[in-house]
Amino acid sequence: MRIAAVQLNSIDNKKENLTKAIKYIHEAAKNGAELVLLPEYMNYMGEDHNKLSNAETTFGETSSILSKTAKELGIFINLGSILEKTEENRAYNTSILFNASGERIATYRKIHLYDAEFENRFTEKESEIIQPGSKVVTADTPFGKVGLTICYDIRFPELYRSLALHGAKIIFVPAAFPLYTGAHHWEILLRARAIENQCYIVAAGQIGTSKPNRTNYGNSMIVDPWGTVIARATEEEGYIISDISMTHLEKIRRNIPCFTHRRPETYLSELVVQQ
């Protein structure tokens, strides 16, 4: 199959963000993409105090537009993530996967929330406006089973191993990774998750400045199960595209059958401290 990841510099203008996303989806489909991934917060990036007022239901404007686009083009679309409106004073950070008929086949709410403070650089406290999800999500597709994650989830290998053990061979990582941590950790984490789970990692990032003191790293990537970066975005908006092969994936899993070598009965056993 051929898969694409769109890189955006989303701002505080939902209409403009959606227009750009649809443009790149059409271009990727024209070049043979059968599945397109968008970034985290693809339809709105702005000041935190405005985020909740821009939240939508999962059947709102953004989902409706992307569902229609998937059906029109006959491709799968993962909308990256949007702010999902709730009855509480916090939203979910939610990813939705549409099939080629425009039907939603998976909905994932970000489990791990990014609360970080870097002295004299920036502070993020996602938990102030976002409530965490609690379910690991996979979906069956004609290309193989896929797993859904979002951004900060990449730092939690247990989630990715859980997805792999549930059969995921392609794992999505829509993100808005900050420039500072992205430059040091982004590629390493993506490649590690691909290698240890012998799966494809497809990561679509935000790039550029989205609000004061917040610049996103970009560097959207597609990584194969051997840890090789097979597509990488330039430092601008656009999309990357690559063919992926389940034959290649299965060969790697046969060559190093890691999953059959697991010993889960030992992992939670009592720690023995040698004196």
Protein backbone atom coordinates (compact mmCIF):
# COMPACT_ATOMS: atom_id res chain seq x y z
CA MET A 1 0.00 0.00 0.00
CA ARG A 2 0.97 3.64 -0.32
CA ILE A 3 0.63 5.84 2.74
CA ALA A 4 1.04 9.58 3.28
CA ALA A 5 1.53 11.88 6.28
CA VAL A 6 0.58 15.55 6.08
CA GLN A 7 2.66 18.21 7.83
CA LEU A 8 0.84 21.43 8.77
CA ASN A 9 1.44 24.73 10.51
CA SER A 10 -2.05 24.96 11.94
CA ILE A 11 -3.05 28.30 13.44
CA ASP A 12 -6.08 29.76 15.23
CA ASN A 13 -8.16 29.77 12.03
CA LYS A 14 -10.12 26.55 11.65
CA LYS A 15 -11.32 27.26 8.11
CA GLU A 16 -7.80 27.95 6.86
CA ASN A 17 -6.40 24.85 8.56
CA LEU A 18 -9.08 22.61 7.06
CA THR A 19 -8.60 24.10 3.60
CA LYS A 20 -4.88 23.34 3.70
CA ALA A 21 -5.42 19.83 5.03
CA ILE A 22 -7.93 18.97 2.29
CA LYS A 23 -5.57 20.37 -0.35
CA TYR A 24 -2.72 18.11 0.76
CA ILE A 25 -5.01 15.09 1.10
CA HIS A 26 -6.13 15.55 -2.52
CA GLU A 27 -2.53 15.90 -3.69
CA ALA A 28 -1.46 12.77 -1.81
CA ALA A 29 -4.41 10.79 -3.18
CA LYS A 30 -3.55 11.96 -6.69
CA ASN A 31 -0.09 10.47 -6.14
CA GLY A 32 -1.54 7.12 -5.11
CA ALA A 33 -1.95 7.42 -1.34
CA GLU A 34 -4.47 4.90 -0.03
CA LEU A 35 -4.26 6.16 3.55
CA VAL A 36 -3.47 9.70 4.76
CA LEU A 37 -2.55 10.78 8.30
CA LEU A 38 -2.95 14.37 9.54
CA PRO A 39 -1.18 15.95 12.57
CA GLU A 40 -2.31 16.45 16.14
CA TYR A 41 -4.70 19.40 16.64
CA MET A 42 -4.95 19.65 12.86
CA ASN A 43 -7.91 22.03 12.82
CA TYR A 44 -6.85 24.44 15.59
CA MET A 45 -3.57 25.50 17.18
CA GLY A 46 -3.69 28.65 19.27
CA GLU A 47 -3.76 30.03 22.76
CA ASP A 48 -4.90 27.54 25.39
CA HIS A 49 -7.68 29.79 26.68
CA ASN A 50 -9.34 29.62 23.24
CA LYS A 51 -9.03 25.88 22.74
CA LEU A 52 -12.16 24.75 24.54
CA SER A 53 -14.33 27.17 22.56
CA ASN A 54 -13.02 25.52 19.38
CA ALA A 55 -13.77 21.96 20.51
CA GLU A 56 -16.24 19.93 18.45
CA THR A 57 -18.14 16.71 18.83
CA THR A 58 -16.82 13.71 16.93
CA PHE A 59 -19.68 14.26 14.49
CA GLY A 60 -18.92 17.96 14.07
CA GLU A 61 -17.75 20.04 11.13
CA THR A 62 -14.19 18.72 10.92
CA SER A 63 -15.16 15.05 11.13
CA SER A 64 -17.96 15.54 8.59
CA ILE A 65 -15.65 17.22 6.08
CA LEU A 66 -12.95 14.55 6.39
CA SER A 67 -15.49 11.72 6.25
CA LYS A 68 -16.84 13.13 2.98
CA THR A 69 -13.31 13.57 1.65
CA ALA A 70 -12.42 9.95 2.44
CA LYS A 71 -15.54 8.77 0.62
CA GLU A 72 -15.01 11.10 -2.33
CA LEU A 73 -11.41 9.97 -2.84
CA GLY A 74 -11.96 6.35 -1.84
CA ILE A 75 -9.11 6.42 0.70
CA PHE A 76 -8.60 5.96 4.44
CA ILE A 77 -8.06 9.17 6.43
CA ASN A 78 -6.83 9.49 10.01
CA LEU A 79 -7.69 13.04 11.00
CA GLY A 80 -4.71 13.24 13.36
CA SER A 81 -6.50 14.74 16.32
CA ILE A 82 -9.06 17.36 17.24
CA LEU A 83 -10.40 18.77 20.49
CA GLU A 84 -13.49 16.73 21.32
CA LYS A 85 -16.18 18.63 23.20
CA THR A 86 -17.45 17.05 26.41
CA GLU A 87 -19.93 18.03 29.12
CA GLU A 88 -17.02 18.67 31.48
CA ASN A 89 -14.73 21.70 31.64
CA ARG A 90 -12.05 19.77 29.76
CA ALA A 91 -12.02 18.27 26.27
CA TYR A 92 -10.55 15.05 24.89
CA ASN A 93 -7.65 15.06 22.45
CA THR A 94 -9.24 12.68 19.97
CA SER A 95 -8.12 10.82 16.85
CA ILE A 96 -10.61 9.34 14.36
CA LEU A 97 -9.97 6.92 11.50
CA PHE A 98 -12.30 6.88 8.48
CA ASN A 99 -12.38 4.09 5.92
CA ALA A 100 -12.64 4.51 2.15
CA SER A 101 -16.44 4.71 2.42
CA GLY A 102 -16.20 7.61 4.86
CA GLU A 103 -17.26 5.46 7.84
CA ARG A 104 -15.51 5.98 11.16
CA ILE A 105 -13.87 2.71 12.14
CA ALA A 106 -11.84 3.84 15.17
CA THR A 107 -11.88 6.61 17.77
CA TYR A 108 -8.96 7.05 20.15
CA ARG A 109 -8.66 9.55 23.01
CA LYS A 110 -5.11 10.45 24.01
CA ILE A 111 -4.10 8.54 27.13
CA HIS A 112 -0.90 10.32 28.17
CA LEU A 113 -1.11 14.10 28.70
CA TYR A 114 1.87 16.38 28.18
CA ASP A 115 2.61 18.27 31.39
CA ALA A 116 6.17 19.59 31.21
CA GLU A 117 8.14 22.58 32.46
CA PHE A 118 11.44 23.69 31.02
CA GLU A 119 12.90 26.57 32.99
CA ASN A 120 13.41 29.70 30.86
CA ARG A 121 12.04 27.89 27.81
CA PHE A 122 8.38 26.92 27.99
CA THR A 123 5.73 25.28 30.09
CA GLU A 124 2.97 22.98 28.86
CA LYS A 125 0.14 21.64 30.99
CA GLU A 126 -2.16 19.75 28.68
CA SER A 127 -4.11 18.33 31.63
CA GLU A 128 -5.53 21.78 32.42
CA ILE A 129 -7.86 21.58 29.41
CA ILE A 130 -7.62 17.94 28.31
CA GLN A 131 -8.91 14.88 30.11
CA PRO A 132 -7.15 11.57 29.39
CA GLY A 133 -8.63 8.65 27.54
CA SER A 134 -8.44 5.14 28.94
CA LYS A 135 -8.67 2.70 26.03
CA VAL A 136 -6.07 1.17 23.72
CA VAL A 137 -7.47 1.28 20.18
CA THR A 138 -6.79 -0.78 17.05
CA ALA A 139 -8.71 -1.18 13.81
CA ASP A 140 -8.77 -3.75 11.03
CA THR A 141 -8.04 -2.47 7.53
CA PRO A 142 -7.34 -4.15 4.18
CA PHE A 143 -3.68 -3.23 4.74
CA GLY A 144 -3.44 -4.93 8.11
CA LYS A 145 -4.37 -3.99 11.66
CA VAL A 146 -3.50 -0.42 12.68
CA GLY A 147 -2.98 1.16 16.09
CA LEU A 148 -3.82 4.71 17.15
CA THR A 149 -1.69 6.94 19.38
CA ILE A 150 -1.09 10.69 19.74
CA CYS A 151 2.16 12.66 20.26
CA TYR A 152 3.32 12.33 23.91
CA ASP A 153 2.17 8.69 23.88
CA ILE A 154 5.43 7.95 22.02
CA ARG A 155 7.32 8.16 25.34
CA PHE A 156 5.37 5.21 26.75
CA PRO A 157 6.63 1.98 25.14
CA GLU A 158 4.11 -0.15 27.03
CA LEU A 159 1.29 1.37 24.95
CA TYR A 160 3.04 0.50 21.70
CA ARG A 161 3.83 -3.01 22.86
CA SER A 162 0.18 -3.45 23.81
CA LEU A 163 -0.88 -2.34 20.32
CA ALA A 164 1.61 -4.74 18.73
CA LEU A 165 0.44 -7.62 20.91
CA HIS A 166 -3.11 -6.84 19.77
CA GLY A 167 -1.93 -7.29 16.18
CA ALA A 168 -1.08 -3.76 15.03
CA LYS A 169 1.40 -3.66 12.15
CA ILE A 170 1.05 0.07 11.42
CA ILE A 171 0.92 2.60 14.28
CA PHE A 172 -0.06 6.23 13.78
CA VAL A 173 1.59 9.11 15.65
CA PRO A 174 -0.05 12.47 14.88
CA ALA A 175 1.91 15.06 16.84
CA ALA A 176 2.71 18.66 17.71
CA PHE A 177 6.15 17.97 19.16
CA PRO A 178 7.93 21.11 20.46
CA LEU A 179 11.16 22.12 18.74
CA TYR A 180 13.36 21.72 21.82
CA THR A 181 12.47 18.14 22.71
CA GLY A 182 11.83 17.22 19.09
CA ALA A 183 15.38 17.99 18.04
CA HIS A 184 16.71 15.66 20.72
CA HIS A 185 14.13 12.87 20.99
CA TRP A 186 11.59 12.72 18.13
CA GLU A 187 13.44 10.55 15.61
CA ILE A 188 15.01 8.34 18.28
CA LEU A 189 11.64 7.58 19.85
CA LEU A 190 9.89 6.88 16.54
CA ARG A 191 12.63 4.54 15.37
CA ALA A 192 12.80 2.77 18.74
CA ARG A 193 9.05 2.10 18.75
CA ALA A 194 9.29 0.74 15.19
CA ILE A 195 12.27 -1.51 15.94
CA GLU A 196 11.07 -2.96 19.23
CA ASN A 197 7.59 -3.70 17.89
CA GLN A 198 8.67 -4.63 14.35
CA CYS A 199 5.99 -2.42 12.84
CA TYR A 200 5.59 0.63 10.63
CA ILE A 201 5.39 3.96 12.45
CA VAL A 202 3.65 6.76 10.55
CA ALA A 203 4.12 10.17 12.19
CA ALA A 204 2.57 13.44 11.02
CA GLY A 205 3.78 16.57 12.80
CA GLN A 206 2.94 20.20 13.20
CA ILE A 207 5.68 22.60 12.12
CA GLY A 208 6.36 26.28 12.75
CA THR A 209 5.08 28.70 15.36
CA SER A 210 1.50 28.14 16.48
CA LYS A 211 1.38 30.45 19.50
CA PRO A 212 3.85 32.65 21.43
CA ASN A 213 6.82 30.68 22.78
CA ARG A 214 5.69 27.46 21.06
CA THR A 215 7.47 26.31 17.91
CA ASN A 216 6.77 22.82 16.61
CA TYR A 217 9.46 20.50 15.30
CA GLY A 218 7.82 19.02 12.21
CA ASN A 219 10.02 16.31 10.71
CA SER A 220 7.08 14.06 9.85
CA MET A 221 8.34 10.54 9.16
CA ILE A 222 7.47 7.08 8.00
CA VAL A 223 9.68 4.46 9.67
CA ASP A 224 9.81 0.82 8.62
CA PRO A 225 9.97 -2.19 11.00
CA TRP A 226 13.77 -2.27 10.71
CA GLY A 227 13.96 1.28 12.04
CA THR A 228 14.82 2.83 8.68
CA VAL A 229 13.32 6.25 7.96
CA ILE A 230 11.79 5.70 4.51
CA ALA A 231 10.20 9.15 4.20
CA ARG A 232 10.89 12.43 5.96
CA ALA A 233 9.37 15.87 5.55
CA THR A 234 11.30 19.03 4.73
CA GLU A 235 11.04 22.11 6.94
CA GLU A 236 7.74 23.29 5.49
CA GLU A 237 4.10 22.34 5.12
CA GLY A 238 3.26 19.55 2.71
CA TYR A 239 3.15 15.78 2.79
CA ILE A 240 5.40 12.76 2.61
CA ILE A 241 4.45 9.53 0.89
CA SER A 242 5.87 6.02 0.72
CA ASP A 243 4.98 2.48 -0.20
CA ILE A 244 4.96 0.04 2.69
CA SER A 245 5.12 -3.75 2.53
CA MET A 246 3.64 -6.36 4.83
CA THR A 247 5.94 -8.89 3.14
CA HIS A 248 8.91 -6.84 4.35
CA LEU A 249 7.41 -6.66 7.84
CA GLU A 250 6.77 -10.40 8.06
CA LYS A 251 10.31 -11.17 6.88
CA ILE A 252 11.75 -9.04 9.68
CA ARG A 253 9.51 -10.77 12.24
CA ARG A 254 10.63 -14.18 10.95
CA ASN A 255 14.31 -13.22 11.05
CA ILE A 256 14.15 -11.99 14.65
CA PRO A 257 11.02 -13.52 16.23
CA CYS A 258 11.01 -11.20 19.25
CA PHE A 259 7.40 -11.79 20.15
CA THR A 260 7.97 -15.52 20.63
CA HIS A 261 10.95 -14.77 22.89
CA ARG A 262 8.98 -12.68 25.34
CA ARG A 263 8.82 -13.88 28.97
CA PRO A 264 5.97 -11.83 30.45
CA GLU A 265 5.77 -14.06 33.52
CA THR A 266 9.10 -12.58 34.69
CA TYR A 267 8.45 -8.90 34.06
CA LEU A 268 6.30 -8.23 37.11
CA SER A 269 8.02 -10.69 39.40
CA GLU A 270 9.56 -9.56 42.65
CA LEU A 271 12.82 -7.72 42.19
CA VAL A 272 15.82 -9.49 43.67
CA VAL A 273 18.45 -7.04 44.94
CA GLN A 274 21.92 -8.50 45.17
CA GLN A 275 23.91 -7.36 48.22
